């Protein structure tokens, strides 16, 4: 249900939504770091592995764009992940000048394990929500995400 002009959101409502999202984001970031402490990767490496897991092989430039990092920073990140056997550089079959970053099994395993732990944590957080509240939350998060794209 969209707000009519006569029902415009007040500044207080928007401020409260922004504050809650900021707090939630901070908690997610902290919990994520705690979960990663058992693995040999840093939070930025985890983000890079997630992009490769979700979108498949990509160049350093493509990964840099997705992560909002300089290419030189992403190159250093990939170098460390390659040394830890999480990714490998692979020549593009269509253009040998192009090098793509490919996620290896160890990288996939880490992503899978950490995401499952994050889901278990979220399930625990949502235990006091009823089915309707969970469905409404899911729908609104999807809608918010779409609007932000």
C-alpha atoms as a PDB file:
ATOM      1  CA  UNK A   1       0.000   0.000   0.000  1.00  0.00           C
ATOM      2  CA  UNK A   2       1.577   3.270  -1.144  1.00  0.00           C
ATOM      3  CA  UNK A   3       1.311   6.423   0.901  1.00  0.00           C
ATOM      4  CA  UNK A   4      -0.977   9.085  -0.517  1.00  0.00           C
ATOM      5  CA  UNK A   5       0.246  12.681  -0.641  1.00  0.00           C
ATOM      6  CA  UNK A   6      -1.908  13.443   2.394  1.00  0.00           C
ATOM      7  CA  UNK A   7      -0.166  10.626   4.299  1.00  0.00           C
ATOM      8  CA  UNK A   8       3.454  11.594   3.642  1.00  0.00           C
ATOM      9  CA  UNK A   9       5.937  10.090   6.030  1.00  0.00           C
ATOM     10  CA  UNK A  10       7.049  12.357   8.793  1.00  0.00           C
ATOM     11  CA  UNK A  11      10.724  13.097   9.290  1.00  0.00           C
ATOM     12  CA  UNK A  12      10.592  11.214  12.590  1.00  0.00           C
ATOM     13  CA  UNK A  13       9.415   8.006  10.911  1.00  0.00           C
ATOM     14  CA  UNK A  14      12.138   8.179   8.269  1.00  0.00           C
ATOM     15  CA  UNK A  15      14.748   8.996  10.927  1.00  0.00           C
ATOM     16  CA  UNK A  16      13.636   6.028  13.035  1.00  0.00           C
ATOM     17  CA  UNK A  17      13.702   3.638  10.064  1.00  0.00           C
ATOM     18  CA  UNK A  18      17.181   4.838   9.100  1.00  0.00           C
ATOM     19  CA  UNK A  19      18.409   4.467  12.696  1.00  0.00           C
ATOM     20  CA  UNK A  20      17.011   0.939  13.055  1.00  0.00           C
ATOM     21  CA  UNK A  21      18.533  -0.111   9.720  1.00  0.00           C
ATOM     22  CA  UNK A  22      21.897   1.339  10.810  1.00  0.00           C
ATOM     23  CA  UNK A  23      21.754  -0.528  14.120  1.00  0.00           C
ATOM     24  CA  UNK A  24      20.728  -3.781  12.406  1.00  0.00           C
ATOM     25  CA  UNK A  25      23.535  -3.357   9.878  1.00  0.00           C
ATOM     26  CA  UNK A  26      26.052  -2.871  12.687  1.00  0.00           C
ATOM     27  CA  UNK A  27      24.862  -5.985  14.522  1.00  0.00           C
ATOM     28  CA  UNK A  28      25.007  -8.048  11.322  1.00  0.00           C
ATOM     29  CA  UNK A  29      28.527  -6.774  10.640  1.00  0.00           C
ATOM     30  CA  UNK A  30      29.685  -7.636  14.184  1.00  0.00           C
ATOM     31  CA  UNK A  31      28.076 -11.097  14.168  1.00  0.00           C
ATOM     32  CA  UNK A  32      29.579 -11.726  10.738  1.00  0.00           C
ATOM     33  CA  UNK A  33      33.050 -10.864  12.031  1.00  0.00           C
ATOM     34  CA  UNK A  34      32.566 -13.177  15.007  1.00  0.00           C
ATOM     35  CA  UNK A  35      31.574 -16.017  12.674  1.00  0.00           C
ATOM     36  CA  UNK A  36      34.570 -15.355  10.407  1.00  0.00           C
ATOM     37  CA  UNK A  37      37.025 -15.510  13.329  1.00  0.00           C
ATOM     38  CA  UNK A  38      37.066 -19.309  12.948  1.00  0.00           C
ATOM     39  CA  UNK A  39      38.205 -19.059   9.317  1.00  0.00           C
ATOM     40  CA  UNK A  40      41.357 -17.904   7.592  1.00  0.00           C
ATOM     41  CA  UNK A  41      39.648 -15.025   5.776  1.00  0.00           C
ATOM     42  CA  UNK A  42      38.944 -11.365   6.457  1.00  0.00           C
ATOM     43  CA  UNK A  43      35.528  -9.691   6.101  1.00  0.00           C
ATOM     44  CA  UNK A  44      36.477  -8.117   2.723  1.00  0.00           C
ATOM     45  CA  UNK A  45      37.643 -11.526   1.484  1.00  0.00           C
ATOM     46  CA  UNK A  46      34.310 -12.983   2.566  1.00  0.00           C
ATOM     47  CA  UNK A  47      32.471 -10.305   0.564  1.00  0.00           C
ATOM     48  CA  UNK A  48      34.621 -11.094  -2.486  1.00  0.00           C
ATOM     49  CA  UNK A  49      33.970 -14.830  -2.111  1.00  0.00           C
ATOM     50  CA  UNK A  50      30.228 -14.140  -1.820  1.00  0.00           C
ATOM     51  CA  UNK A  51      30.217 -12.179  -5.092  1.00  0.00           C
ATOM     52  CA  UNK A  52      32.097 -14.982  -6.845  1.00  0.00           C
ATOM     53  CA  UNK A  53      29.763 -17.570  -5.306  1.00  0.00           C
ATOM     54  CA  UNK A  54      26.631 -15.692  -6.411  1.00  0.00           C
ATOM     55  CA  UNK A  55      27.724 -14.288  -9.780  1.00  0.00           C
ATOM     56  CA  UNK A  56      30.420 -16.725 -10.931  1.00  0.00           C
ATOM     57  CA  UNK A  57      33.838 -15.996 -12.388  1.00  0.00           C
ATOM     58  CA  UNK A  58      34.703 -12.350 -12.970  1.00  0.00           C
ATOM     59  CA  UNK A  59      37.635 -10.087 -13.684  1.00  0.00           C
ATOM     60  CA  UNK A  60      39.440  -8.018 -11.058  1.00  0.00           C
ATOM     61  CA  UNK A  61      37.761  -4.925 -12.530  1.00  0.00           C
ATOM     62  CA  UNK A  62      34.282  -6.429 -12.254  1.00  0.00           C
ATOM     63  CA  UNK A  63      34.916  -7.560  -8.680  1.00  0.00           C
ATOM     64  CA  UNK A  64      36.358  -4.129  -7.805  1.00  0.00           C
ATOM     65  CA  UNK A  65      33.224  -2.446  -9.096  1.00  0.00           C
ATOM     66  CA  UNK A  66      30.926  -4.734  -7.094  1.00  0.00           C
ATOM     67  CA  UNK A  67      32.956  -4.209  -3.924  1.00  0.00           C
ATOM     68  CA  UNK A  68      33.493  -0.454  -4.437  1.00  0.00           C
ATOM     69  CA  UNK A  69      37.265  -0.918  -4.156  1.00  0.00           C
ATOM     70  CA  UNK A  70      40.218   0.239  -6.235  1.00  0.00           C
ATOM     71  CA  UNK A  71      41.559  -2.401  -8.623  1.00  0.00           C
ATOM     72  CA  UNK A  72      44.899  -2.399  -6.775  1.00  0.00           C
ATOM     73  CA  UNK A  73      43.145  -3.171  -3.475  1.00  0.00           C
ATOM     74  CA  UNK A  74      41.130  -5.962  -5.085  1.00  0.00           C
ATOM     75  CA  UNK A  75      44.296  -7.381  -6.669  1.00  0.00           C
ATOM     76  CA  UNK A  76      45.942  -7.592  -3.222  1.00  0.00           C
ATOM     77  CA  UNK A  77      42.788  -9.207  -1.831  1.00  0.00           C
ATOM     78  CA  UNK A  78      42.734 -11.800  -4.625  1.00  0.00           C
ATOM     79  CA  UNK A  79      46.487 -12.467  -4.210  1.00  0.00           C
ATOM     80  CA  UNK A  80      45.947 -13.403  -0.547  1.00  0.00           C
ATOM     81  CA  UNK A  81      42.906 -15.546  -1.363  1.00  0.00           C
ATOM     82  CA  UNK A  82      44.846 -17.286  -4.122  1.00  0.00           C
ATOM     83  CA  UNK A  83      47.705 -18.071  -1.693  1.00  0.00           C
ATOM     84  CA  UNK A  84      45.113 -19.609   0.668  1.00  0.00           C
ATOM     85  CA  UNK A  85      43.695 -21.717  -2.194  1.00  0.00           C
ATOM     86  CA  UNK A  86      40.271 -20.051  -2.055  1.00  0.00           C
ATOM     87  CA  UNK A  87      40.358 -18.744  -5.643  1.00  0.00           C
ATOM     88  CA  UNK A  88      42.465 -19.090  -8.757  1.00  0.00           C
ATOM     89  CA  UNK A  89      43.142 -16.890 -11.739  1.00  0.00           C
ATOM     90  CA  UNK A  90      41.993 -18.453 -15.000  1.00  0.00           C
ATOM     91  CA  UNK A  91      42.529 -17.209 -18.568  1.00  0.00           C
ATOM     92  CA  UNK A  92      39.289 -16.470 -20.391  1.00  0.00           C
ATOM     93  CA  UNK A  93      38.649 -19.101 -23.074  1.00  0.00           C
ATOM     94  CA  UNK A  94      37.371 -16.466 -25.528  1.00  0.00           C
ATOM     95  CA  UNK A  95      40.090 -13.861 -24.946  1.00  0.00           C
ATOM     96  CA  UNK A  96      43.422 -14.963 -23.489  1.00  0.00           C
ATOM     97  CA  UNK A  97      44.212 -11.375 -22.468  1.00  0.00           C
ATOM     98  CA  UNK A  98      41.375 -11.524 -19.946  1.00  0.00           C
ATOM     99  CA  UNK A  99      41.953 -13.191 -16.579  1.00  0.00           C
ATOM    100  CA  UNK A 100      38.991 -14.241 -14.471  1.00  0.00           C
ATOM    101  CA  UNK A 101      38.884 -15.043 -10.778  1.00  0.00           C
ATOM    102  CA  UNK A 102      37.453 -18.514 -10.157  1.00  0.00           C
ATOM    103  CA  UNK A 103      36.131 -19.724  -6.799  1.00  0.00           C
ATOM    104  CA  UNK A 104      37.759 -22.979  -5.635  1.00  0.00           C
ATOM    105  CA  UNK A 105      36.154 -25.697  -3.489  1.00  0.00           C
ATOM    106  CA  UNK A 106      37.649 -24.373  -0.227  1.00  0.00           C
ATOM    107  CA  UNK A 107      36.172 -20.939  -0.946  1.00  0.00           C
ATOM    108  CA  UNK A 108      32.781 -22.513  -1.684  1.00  0.00           C
ATOM    109  CA  UNK A 109      32.961 -24.556   1.523  1.00  0.00           C
ATOM    110  CA  UNK A 110      33.682 -21.485   3.647  1.00  0.00           C
ATOM    111  CA  UNK A 111      30.884 -19.455   2.049  1.00  0.00           C
ATOM    112  CA  UNK A 112      28.432 -22.313   2.503  1.00  0.00           C
ATOM    113  CA  UNK A 113      29.360 -22.861   6.165  1.00  0.00           C
ATOM    114  CA  UNK A 114      29.283 -19.177   7.102  1.00  0.00           C
ATOM    115  CA  UNK A 115      25.972 -18.534   5.346  1.00  0.00           C
ATOM    116  CA  UNK A 116      24.431 -21.523   7.146  1.00  0.00           C
ATOM    117  CA  UNK A 117      25.685 -20.139  10.483  1.00  0.00           C
ATOM    118  CA  UNK A 118      24.205 -16.737   9.632  1.00  0.00           C
ATOM    119  CA  UNK A 119      20.873 -18.382   8.825  1.00  0.00           C
ATOM    120  CA  UNK A 120      20.890 -20.278  12.127  1.00  0.00           C
ATOM    121  CA  UNK A 121      21.541 -16.988  13.940  1.00  0.00           C
ATOM    122  CA  UNK A 122      18.688 -15.251  12.088  1.00  0.00           C
ATOM    123  CA  UNK A 123      16.355 -18.165  12.788  1.00  0.00           C
ATOM    124  CA  UNK A 124      17.134 -17.749  16.494  1.00  0.00           C
ATOM    125  CA  UNK A 125      16.460 -13.992  16.309  1.00  0.00           C
ATOM    126  CA  UNK A 126      13.114 -14.605  14.556  1.00  0.00           C
ATOM    127  CA  UNK A 127      11.860 -17.240  17.017  1.00  0.00           C
ATOM    128  CA  UNK A 128       9.525 -14.738  18.723  1.00  0.00           C
ATOM    129  CA  UNK A 129       7.956 -13.657  15.416  1.00  0.00           C
ATOM    130  CA  UNK A 130       4.812 -15.371  14.160  1.00  0.00           C
ATOM    131  CA  UNK A 131       4.496 -16.638  10.568  1.00  0.00           C
ATOM    132  CA  UNK A 132       2.608 -13.550   9.395  1.00  0.00           C
ATOM    133  CA  UNK A 133       5.217 -11.188  10.851  1.00  0.00           C
ATOM    134  CA  UNK A 134       8.018 -13.156   9.196  1.00  0.00           C
ATOM    135  CA  UNK A 135       6.222 -13.131   5.834  1.00  0.00           C
ATOM    136  CA  UNK A 136       5.542  -9.395   6.104  1.00  0.00           C
ATOM    137  CA  UNK A 137       9.175  -8.729   7.052  1.00  0.00           C
ATOM    138  CA  UNK A 138      10.406 -10.793   4.099  1.00  0.00           C
ATOM    139  CA  UNK A 139       8.065  -9.046   1.660  1.00  0.00           C
ATOM    140  CA  UNK A 140       9.012  -5.590   2.919  1.00  0.00           C
ATOM    141  CA  UNK A 141      12.746  -6.338   2.818  1.00  0.00           C
ATOM    142  CA  UNK A 142      12.418  -7.580  -0.756  1.00  0.00           C
ATOM    143  CA  UNK A 143      10.474  -4.465  -1.709  1.00  0.00           C
ATOM    144  CA  UNK A 144      12.974  -2.160   0.034  1.00  0.00           C
ATOM    145  CA  UNK A 145      15.862  -3.896  -1.739  1.00  0.00           C
ATOM    146  CA  UNK A 146      14.155  -3.534  -5.130  1.00  0.00           C
ATOM    147  CA  UNK A 147      13.469   0.162  -4.529  1.00  0.00           C
ATOM    148  CA  UNK A 148      17.112   0.731  -3.544  1.00  0.00           C
ATOM    149  CA  UNK A 149      18.433  -0.886  -6.733  1.00  0.00           C
END
